[in-house]
C-alpha atoms as a PDB file:
ATOM      1  CA  MET A   1       0.751  -5.222 208.996  1.00  0.00           C
ATOM      2  CA  GLY A   2       1.732  -1.635 209.783  1.00  0.00           C
ATOM      3  CA  LEU A   3       3.507  -0.929 213.047  1.00  0.00           C
ATOM      4  CA  SER A   4       0.669   1.353 214.130  1.00  0.00           C
ATOM      5  CA  THR A   5      -2.011  -1.326 213.738  1.00  0.00           C
ATOM      6  CA  GLU A   6       0.245  -4.019 215.151  1.00  0.00           C
ATOM      7  CA  LYS A   7       0.621  -2.170 218.452  1.00  0.00           C
ATOM      8  CA  ILE A   8      -3.158  -1.919 218.805  1.00  0.00           C
ATOM      9  CA  LEU A   9      -3.697  -5.608 218.084  1.00  0.00           C
ATOM     10  CA  HIS A  10      -1.014  -6.722 220.521  1.00  0.00           C
ATOM     11  CA  ALA A  11      -2.488  -4.448 223.204  1.00  0.00           C
ATOM     12  CA  VAL A  12      -5.827  -6.194 222.610  1.00  0.00           C
ATOM     13  CA  VAL A  13      -4.184  -9.600 223.051  1.00  0.00           C
ATOM     14  CA  ARG A  14      -2.526  -8.459 226.284  1.00  0.00           C
ATOM     15  CA  LYS A  15      -5.931  -7.402 227.598  1.00  0.00           C
ATOM     16  CA  ILE A  16      -7.424 -10.793 226.652  1.00  0.00           C
ATOM     17  CA  ARG A  17      -4.571 -12.520 228.460  1.00  0.00           C
ATOM     18  CA  GLU A  18      -5.138 -10.333 231.530  1.00  0.00           C
ATOM     19  CA  LEU A  19      -8.842 -11.210 231.683  1.00  0.00           C
ATOM     20  CA  SER A  20      -8.605 -14.903 230.800  1.00  0.00           C
ATOM     21  CA  PRO A  21      -5.113 -16.409 230.344  1.00  0.00           C
ATOM     22  CA  ALA A  22      -6.428 -19.916 229.566  1.00  0.00           C
ATOM     23  CA  LEU A  23      -9.281 -18.895 227.284  1.00  0.00           C
ATOM     24  CA  SER A  24     -10.860 -21.430 224.920  1.00  0.00           C
ATOM     25  CA  GLY A  25     -14.135 -21.881 223.047  1.00  0.00           C
ATOM     26  CA  ASN A  26     -15.824 -19.756 220.386  1.00  0.00           C
ATOM     27  CA  TYR A  27     -14.418 -16.406 219.309  1.00  0.00           C
ATOM     28  CA  LEU A  28     -16.060 -13.600 217.310  1.00  0.00           C
ATOM     29  CA  ASP A  29     -14.101 -10.717 215.795  1.00  0.00           C
ATOM     30  CA  ILE A  30     -16.376  -7.831 214.781  1.00  0.00           C
ATOM     31  CA  GLY A  31     -14.893  -5.680 212.038  1.00  0.00           C
ATOM     32  CA  ALA A  32     -12.440  -8.463 211.250  1.00  0.00           C
ATOM     33  CA  GLY A  33     -11.020  -6.894 208.088  1.00  0.00           C
ATOM     34  CA  HIS A  34      -8.126  -8.976 206.748  1.00  0.00           C
ATOM     35  CA  GLY A  35      -8.177 -11.279 209.784  1.00  0.00           C
ATOM     36  CA  LYS A  36      -4.944 -10.011 211.345  1.00  0.00           C
ATOM     37  CA  LEU A  37      -6.267 -10.033 214.904  1.00  0.00           C
ATOM     38  CA  ILE A  38      -7.844 -13.469 214.452  1.00  0.00           C
ATOM     39  CA  ARG A  39      -4.479 -14.845 213.363  1.00  0.00           C
ATOM     40  CA  ILE A  40      -2.672 -13.372 216.378  1.00  0.00           C
ATOM     41  CA  VAL A  41      -5.349 -14.497 218.845  1.00  0.00           C
ATOM     42  CA  ARG A  42      -5.423 -18.050 217.478  1.00  0.00           C
ATOM     43  CA  ASP A  43      -1.654 -18.282 217.811  1.00  0.00           C
ATOM     44  CA  GLU A  44      -2.066 -17.946 221.578  1.00  0.00           C
ATOM     45  CA  PHE A  45      -5.523 -19.293 222.460  1.00  0.00           C
ATOM     46  CA  LYS A  46      -7.438 -22.422 221.484  1.00  0.00           C
ATOM     47  CA  LEU A  47     -10.437 -20.734 219.922  1.00  0.00           C
ATOM     48  CA  ALA A  48     -12.784 -21.442 217.028  1.00  0.00           C
ATOM     49  CA  ALA A  49     -12.846 -18.140 215.146  1.00  0.00           C
ATOM     50  CA  HIS A  50     -15.808 -16.412 213.525  1.00  0.00           C
ATOM     51  CA  ALA A  51     -15.726 -13.083 211.689  1.00  0.00           C
ATOM     52  CA  CYS A  52     -18.316 -10.365 211.173  1.00  0.00           C
ATOM     53  CA  ASP A  53     -17.892  -7.346 208.903  1.00  0.00           C
ATOM     54  CA  TYR A  54     -19.773  -5.137 206.457  1.00  0.00           C
ATOM     55  CA  THR A  55     -18.142  -6.990 203.538  1.00  0.00           C
ATOM     56  CA  PRO A  56     -16.553 -10.439 203.090  1.00  0.00           C
ATOM     57  CA  ASN A  57     -14.065  -9.180 200.521  1.00  0.00           C
ATOM     58  CA  LEU A  58     -11.328  -8.098 202.934  1.00  0.00           C
ATOM     59  CA  MET A  59     -10.741 -11.440 204.689  1.00  0.00           C
ATOM     60  CA  ARG A  60      -7.434 -13.172 203.882  1.00  0.00           C
ATOM     61  CA  LEU A  61      -7.818 -16.240 206.106  1.00  0.00           C
ATOM     62  CA  PRO A  62      -9.312 -18.965 203.894  1.00  0.00           C
ATOM     63  CA  ASP A  63     -10.698 -20.992 206.816  1.00  0.00           C
ATOM     64  CA  VAL A  64     -12.637 -18.086 208.377  1.00  0.00           C
ATOM     65  CA  PRO A  65     -15.963 -17.258 206.695  1.00  0.00           C
ATOM     66  CA  VAL A  66     -17.309 -13.748 207.183  1.00  0.00           C
ATOM     67  CA  ASP A  67     -20.867 -13.123 208.341  1.00  0.00           C
ATOM     68  CA  VAL A  68     -22.011  -9.856 206.777  1.00  0.00           C
ATOM     69  CA  ALA A  69     -23.894  -7.292 208.863  1.00  0.00           C
ATOM     70  CA  ASP A  70     -24.402  -3.541 208.757  1.00  0.00           C
ATOM     71  CA  LEU A  71     -24.247  -2.612 212.434  1.00  0.00           C
ATOM     72  CA  ASN A  72     -25.961   0.701 211.733  1.00  0.00           C
ATOM     73  CA  THR A  73     -29.171  -1.084 210.765  1.00  0.00           C
ATOM     74  CA  GLU A  74     -28.895  -4.780 211.697  1.00  0.00           C
ATOM     75  CA  ARG A  75     -28.430  -6.980 214.734  1.00  0.00           C
ATOM     76  CA  LEU A  76     -25.486  -9.324 215.028  1.00  0.00           C
ATOM     77  CA  PRO A  77     -26.416 -12.469 213.061  1.00  0.00           C
ATOM     78  CA  TYR A  78     -25.957 -14.847 216.012  1.00  0.00           C
ATOM     79  CA  GLY A  79     -27.996 -16.416 218.762  1.00  0.00           C
ATOM     80  CA  ASP A  80     -27.800 -15.657 222.459  1.00  0.00           C
ATOM     81  CA  ASP A  81     -24.810 -16.828 224.540  1.00  0.00           C
ATOM     82  CA  GLU A  82     -22.755 -18.134 221.585  1.00  0.00           C
ATOM     83  CA  PHE A  83     -19.235 -16.796 222.197  1.00  0.00           C
ATOM     84  CA  ASP A  84     -16.577 -16.962 224.897  1.00  0.00           C
ATOM     85  CA  LEU A  85     -14.659 -14.005 223.450  1.00  0.00           C
ATOM     86  CA  VAL A  86     -15.671 -11.040 221.311  1.00  0.00           C
ATOM     87  CA  THR A  87     -13.206  -8.477 219.980  1.00  0.00           C
ATOM     88  CA  CYS A  88     -14.207  -5.224 218.324  1.00  0.00           C
ATOM     89  CA  THR A  89     -11.148  -3.192 217.353  1.00  0.00           C
ATOM     90  CA  GLU A  90     -11.374   0.236 215.737  1.00  0.00           C
ATOM     91  CA  VAL A  91     -15.078  -0.219 214.948  1.00  0.00           C
ATOM     92  CA  ILE A  92     -17.282   1.867 217.235  1.00  0.00           C
ATOM     93  CA  GLU A  93     -15.985   5.151 215.837  1.00  0.00           C
ATOM     94  CA  HIS A  94     -17.348   4.035 212.439  1.00  0.00           C
ATOM     95  CA  ILE A  95     -20.926   3.289 213.512  1.00  0.00           C
ATOM     96  CA  GLU A  96     -23.863   5.458 214.474  1.00  0.00           C
ATOM     97  CA  HIS A  97     -25.288   3.533 217.444  1.00  0.00           C
ATOM     98  CA  TYR A  98     -22.406   2.132 219.476  1.00  0.00           C
ATOM     99  CA  ARG A  99     -24.505   1.680 222.631  1.00  0.00           C
ATOM    100  CA  ARG A 100     -26.874  -0.629 220.767  1.00  0.00           C
ATOM    101  CA  THR A 101     -23.856  -2.568 219.517  1.00  0.00           C
ATOM    102  CA  MET A 102     -22.612  -3.006 223.100  1.00  0.00           C
ATOM    103  CA  ARG A 103     -25.987  -4.498 224.040  1.00  0.00           C
ATOM    104  CA  GLU A 104     -25.818  -6.826 221.048  1.00  0.00           C
ATOM    105  CA  ILE A 105     -22.348  -8.009 222.028  1.00  0.00           C
ATOM    106  CA  TYR A 106     -23.581  -8.654 225.557  1.00  0.00           C
ATOM    107  CA  ARG A 107     -26.407 -10.747 224.109  1.00  0.00           C
ATOM    108  CA  VAL A 108     -24.155 -13.008 222.016  1.00  0.00           C
ATOM    109  CA  LEU A 109     -21.534 -13.509 224.745  1.00  0.00           C
ATOM    110  CA  GLN A 110     -21.795 -16.483 227.062  1.00  0.00           C
ATOM    111  CA  PRO A 111     -21.944 -15.779 230.805  1.00  0.00           C
ATOM    112  CA  ASN A 112     -18.364 -15.208 231.980  1.00  0.00           C
ATOM    113  CA  GLY A 113     -17.403 -14.366 228.383  1.00  0.00           C
ATOM    114  CA  ILE A 114     -15.142 -11.396 227.731  1.00  0.00           C
ATOM    115  CA  LEU A 115     -15.179  -8.441 225.376  1.00  0.00           C
ATOM    116  CA  VAL A 116     -12.111  -6.458 224.343  1.00  0.00           C
ATOM    117  CA  LEU A 117     -12.472  -3.425 222.117  1.00  0.00           C
ATOM    118  CA  SER A 118     -10.448  -0.428 221.029  1.00  0.00           C
ATOM    119  CA  THR A 119     -11.103   3.061 219.710  1.00  0.00           C
ATOM    120  CA  PRO A 120      -9.055   6.230 219.134  1.00  0.00           C
ATOM    121  CA  ASN A 121      -8.334   7.943 222.439  1.00  0.00           C
ATOM    122  CA  VAL A 122     -10.034  11.319 222.049  1.00  0.00           C
ATOM    123  CA  LEU A 123      -8.963  12.164 225.613  1.00  0.00           C
ATOM    124  CA  SER A 124      -5.250  12.239 224.803  1.00  0.00           C
ATOM    125  CA  LEU A 125      -3.623  15.574 225.509  1.00  0.00           C
ATOM    126  CA  ARG A 126      -2.845  16.080 221.824  1.00  0.00           C
ATOM    127  CA  SER A 127      -6.483  15.411 220.955  1.00  0.00           C
ATOM    128  CA  ARG A 128      -7.739  17.785 223.662  1.00  0.00           C
ATOM    129  CA  ILE A 129      -5.466  20.567 222.430  1.00  0.00           C
ATOM    130  CA  ARG A 130      -6.590  19.992 218.832  1.00  0.00           C
ATOM    131  CA  TYR A 131     -10.223  20.155 219.958  1.00  0.00           C
ATOM    132  CA  LEU A 132      -9.557  23.386 221.864  1.00  0.00           C
ATOM    133  CA  LEU A 133      -7.857  25.046 218.882  1.00  0.00           C
ATOM    134  CA  PHE A 134      -9.752  23.522 215.943  1.00  0.00           C
ATOM    135  CA  GLY A 135     -12.962  22.058 217.321  1.00  0.00           C
ATOM    136  CA  PHE A 136     -12.223  18.483 216.208  1.00  0.00           C
ATOM    137  CA  PHE A 137     -10.564  15.596 218.029  1.00  0.00           C
ATOM    138  CA  THR A 138      -7.503  13.880 216.567  1.00  0.00           C
ATOM    139  CA  LEU A 139      -8.536  11.428 213.815  1.00  0.00           C
ATOM    140  CA  PHE A 140     -11.964  13.086 213.615  1.00  0.00           C
ATOM    141  CA  GLY A 141     -12.315  15.812 211.007  1.00  0.00           C
ATOM    142  CA  PRO A 142     -15.129  17.693 209.285  1.00  0.00           C
ATOM    143  CA  LEU A 143     -17.666  15.441 207.556  1.00  0.00           C
ATOM    144  CA  HIS A 144     -18.641  15.959 203.927  1.00  0.00           C
ATOM    145  CA  VAL A 145     -22.306  16.871 203.548  1.00  0.00           C
ATOM    146  CA  PRO A 146     -23.217  16.650 199.809  1.00  0.00           C
ATOM    147  CA  GLU A 147     -24.457  13.292 198.612  1.00  0.00           C
ATOM    148  CA  SER A 148     -21.695  13.265 195.973  1.00  0.00           C
ATOM    149  CA  ASP A 149     -19.122  13.009 198.754  1.00  0.00           C
ATOM    150  CA  ARG A 150     -20.598   9.796 200.117  1.00  0.00           C
ATOM    151  CA  PHE A 151     -20.570   6.232 198.962  1.00  0.00           C
ATOM    152  CA  ARG A 152     -23.035   3.426 199.497  1.00  0.00           C
ATOM    153  CA  THR A 153     -22.571  -0.060 200.900  1.00  0.00           C
ATOM    154  CA  ARG A 154     -25.470  -2.492 200.628  1.00  0.00           C
ATOM    155  CA  GLY A 155     -27.776   0.461 199.968  1.00  0.00           C
ATOM    156  CA  HIS A 156     -26.740   2.377 203.092  1.00  0.00           C
ATOM    157  CA  VAL A 157     -24.813   5.633 203.184  1.00  0.00           C
ATOM    158  CA  ARG A 158     -21.262   5.544 204.542  1.00  0.00           C
ATOM    159  CA  PHE A 159     -19.116   8.627 205.034  1.00  0.00           C
ATOM    160  CA  LEU A 160     -15.722   9.509 203.549  1.00  0.00           C
ATOM    161  CA  THR A 161     -13.851  10.790 206.625  1.00  0.00           C
ATOM    162  CA  GLY A 162     -11.592   7.829 207.157  1.00  0.00           C
ATOM    163  CA  GLY A 163     -14.877   6.329 208.336  1.00  0.00           C
ATOM    164  CA  HIS A 164     -14.685   8.093 211.725  1.00  0.00           C
ATOM    165  CA  ILE A 165     -18.113   9.541 212.462  1.00  0.00           C
ATOM    166  CA  ASN A 166     -18.503   8.904 216.194  1.00  0.00           C
ATOM    167  CA  PRO A 167     -15.864  10.045 218.728  1.00  0.00           C
ATOM    168  CA  VAL A 168     -16.414   8.107 221.964  1.00  0.00           C
ATOM    169  CA  SER A 169     -14.457   8.994 225.091  1.00  0.00           C
ATOM    170  CA  TYR A 170     -13.518   6.395 227.688  1.00  0.00           C
ATOM    171  CA  PHE A 171     -16.130   7.493 230.229  1.00  0.00           C
ATOM    172  CA  TYR A 172     -19.055   7.173 227.831  1.00  0.00           C
ATOM    173  CA  LEU A 173     -17.769   3.863 226.532  1.00  0.00           C
ATOM    174  CA  ALA A 174     -17.411   2.525 230.087  1.00  0.00           C
ATOM    175  CA  HIS A 175     -20.897   3.839 230.879  1.00  0.00           C
ATOM    176  CA  ALA A 176     -22.356   2.102 227.811  1.00  0.00           C
ATOM    177  CA  LEU A 177     -20.699  -1.166 228.825  1.00  0.00           C
ATOM    178  CA  SER A 178     -21.955  -0.876 232.405  1.00  0.00           C
ATOM    179  CA  ASP A 179     -25.432  -0.024 231.168  1.00  0.00           C
ATOM    180  CA  ALA A 180     -25.388  -3.099 228.912  1.00  0.00           C
ATOM    181  CA  GLY A 181     -24.580  -5.281 231.939  1.00  0.00           C
ATOM    182  CA  PHE A 182     -20.807  -5.760 231.705  1.00  0.00           C
ATOM    183  CA  ALA A 183     -18.557  -5.895 234.764  1.00  0.00           C
ATOM    184  CA  GLU A 184     -14.795  -5.786 235.472  1.00  0.00           C
ATOM    185  CA  ILE A 185     -14.349  -2.885 233.058  1.00  0.00           C
ATOM    186  CA  THR A 186     -10.696  -1.853 232.730  1.00  0.00           C
ATOM    187  CA  ALA A 187      -8.741   0.238 230.256  1.00  0.00           C
ATOM    188  CA  THR A 188      -5.224   0.337 228.878  1.00  0.00           C
ATOM    189  CA  ILE A 189      -3.557   1.920 225.856  1.00  0.00           C
ATOM    190  CA  ASP A 190      -1.523   0.730 222.897  1.00  0.00           C
ATOM    191  CA  ARG A 191       1.349   3.194 223.312  1.00  0.00           C
ATOM    192  CA  TYR A 192       2.316   6.617 224.619  1.00  0.00           C
ATOM    193  CA  GLN A 193       2.460   9.581 222.254  1.00  0.00           C
ATOM    194  CA  ARG A 194       5.922  11.006 222.824  1.00  0.00           C
ATOM    195  CA  GLY A 195       4.914  14.363 221.356  1.00  0.00           C
ATOM    196  CA  ALA A 196       2.524  14.884 224.271  1.00  0.00           C
ATOM    197  CA  VAL A 197       5.120  14.466 227.011  1.00  0.00           C
ATOM    198  CA  ILE A 198       6.479  18.033 226.949  1.00  0.00           C
ATOM    199  CA  PRO A 199       3.024  19.709 227.003  1.00  0.00           C
ATOM    200  CA  LEU A 200       2.048  17.376 229.835  1.00  0.00           C
ATOM    201  CA  ILE A 201       4.992  18.566 231.942  1.00  0.00           C
ATOM    202  CA  PHE A 202       3.433  22.028 231.987  1.00  0.00           C
ATOM    203  CA  LEU A 203      -0.214  20.972 232.121  1.00  0.00           C
ATOM    204  CA  TRP A 204      -0.163  17.992 234.510  1.00  0.00           C
ATOM    205  CA  LEU A 205      -0.535  20.012 237.726  1.00  0.00           C
ATOM    206  CA  PRO A 206      -3.268  22.365 236.409  1.00  0.00           C
ATOM    207  CA  ILE A 207      -5.199  19.391 235.027  1.00  0.00           C
ATOM    208  CA  GLN A 208      -5.076  17.538 238.338  1.00  0.00           C
ATOM    209  CA  VAL A 209      -6.010  20.605 240.416  1.00  0.00           C
ATOM    210  CA  PHE A 210      -8.909  21.594 238.180  1.00  0.00           C
ATOM    211  CA  SER A 211     -10.101  17.964 238.017  1.00  0.00           C
ATOM    212  CA  LEU A 212     -10.176  17.784 241.808  1.00  0.00           C
ATOM    213  CA  ILE A 213     -12.219  20.989 242.019  1.00  0.00           C
ATOM    214  CA  ALA A 214     -14.569  19.903 239.227  1.00  0.00           C
ATOM    215  CA  ARG A 215     -15.147  16.458 240.754  1.00  0.00           C
ATOM    216  CA  HIS A 216     -15.984  18.033 244.112  1.00  0.00           C
ATOM    217  CA  ARG A 217     -18.488  20.366 242.455  1.00  0.00           C
ATOM    218  CA  GLU A 218     -20.068  17.542 240.456  1.00  0.00           C
ATOM    219  CA  LYS A 219     -20.435  15.464 243.623  1.00  0.00           C
ATOM    220  CA  SER A 220     -21.735  18.143 245.964  1.00  0.00           C
ATOM    221  CA  ARG A 221     -23.796  20.371 243.692  1.00  0.00           C
ATOM    222  CA  TYR A 222     -24.913  18.305 240.708  1.00  0.00           C
ATOM    223  CA  LYS A 223     -24.847  14.786 242.231  1.00  0.00           C
ATOM    224  CA  THR A 224     -23.514  13.321 238.965  1.00  0.00           C
ATOM    225  CA  ILE A 225     -20.660  11.319 240.533  1.00  0.00           C
ATOM    226  CA  ASP A 226     -21.332   8.353 242.791  1.00  0.00           C
ATOM    227  CA  ALA A 227     -19.669   5.113 243.848  1.00  0.00           C
ATOM    228  CA  MET A 228     -20.646   3.438 240.583  1.00  0.00           C
ATOM    229  CA  ASN A 229     -18.999   5.890 238.196  1.00  0.00           C
ATOM    230  CA  GLU A 230     -16.328   7.698 240.215  1.00  0.00           C
ATOM    231  CA  ARG A 231     -13.524   5.370 239.086  1.00  0.00           C
ATOM    232  CA  PHE A 232     -14.296   6.071 235.440  1.00  0.00           C
ATOM    233  CA  VAL A 233     -14.363   9.825 236.097  1.00  0.00           C
ATOM    234  CA  ARG A 234     -10.971   9.708 237.834  1.00  0.00           C
ATOM    235  CA  GLU A 235      -9.442   7.713 234.991  1.00  0.00           C
ATOM    236  CA  MET A 236     -10.370  10.426 232.481  1.00  0.00           C
ATOM    237  CA  ASN A 237      -7.253  12.360 233.533  1.00  0.00           C
ATOM    238  CA  SER A 238      -4.962   9.418 234.218  1.00  0.00           C
ATOM    239  CA  LEU A 239      -1.479   9.345 232.722  1.00  0.00           C
ATOM    240  CA  ASP A 240      -2.489   6.597 230.288  1.00  0.00           C
ATOM    241  CA  LEU A 241      -5.457   8.503 228.904  1.00  0.00           C
ATOM    242  CA  LEU A 242      -3.548  11.779 228.689  1.00  0.00           C
ATOM    243  CA  LEU A 243      -0.673  10.217 226.746  1.00  0.00           C
ATOM    244  CA  GLY A 244      -2.195   7.164 225.065  1.00  0.00           C
ATOM    245  CA  ARG A 245      -2.965   7.040 221.355  1.00  0.00           C
ATOM    246  CA  THR A 246      -5.584   4.262 221.366  1.00  0.00           C
ATOM    247  CA  VAL A 247      -7.699   3.150 224.318  1.00  0.00           C
ATOM    248  CA  VAL A 248      -8.219  -0.598 224.759  1.00  0.00           C
ATOM    249  CA  VAL A 249     -11.071  -1.623 227.049  1.00  0.00           C
ATOM    250  CA  GLY A 250     -11.797  -5.077 228.430  1.00  0.00           C
ATOM    251  CA  CYS A 251     -14.809  -6.326 230.374  1.00  0.00           C
ATOM    252  CA  ARG A 252     -16.728  -9.456 231.311  1.00  0.00           C
ATOM    253  CA  LYS A 253     -20.323 -10.627 231.109  1.00  0.00           C
ATOM    254  CA  PRO A 254     -21.197 -11.797 234.635  1.00  0.00           C
ATOM    255  CA  ARG A 255     -22.076 -15.426 235.250  1.00  0.00           C
END
């Protein structure tokens, strides 16, 4: 396991522990890959693990069968209220309809079940600067257009860009989760990007001042900020989201 991936997975486990330190029951990992996260989670929690991915060929845990689903075109292959925990790490940036996937996860979670997911933090200061200068967020580059630059999985087109076709910022992810019915939505990061610290020293005060002015205008003139979403708006320019590499979000399906 690379150090980069390991930090993400351990941040996911910390978020699970924060939401439910004595968790047990049924566990689904969406985009399970080799099964690295399943192994780490099972080391700490008493959970029966299930895996879902676009192919079964990546899994290295012999006791964990993989249920195959293309989340661009198919529902999750499970009934309602089946799982106590769902994880979905580094997946939503690869799929076309992440909001539909959030609704599907809500459906398969039991009441009081928890979801923890991660995605590249496109709101990091380094990513914002790259977008300003180049027009693309960090880890999201130009997409190939000709058919020859694509490959097919189960008859469906997938794109050769490291698989990243859908940059999702924290606010829109939190909004999608709220809209699906989730509560107790909180965010953390896997690690700080040290290369962003020096630019932040110069930009921190302008960012905070402009954010204050912009929030006031949005509230008074456009009425886009209210008690339900103001926390998410404020967090967009928090220290974690300005310096963090990967955003890790946890939430709960209400009882």
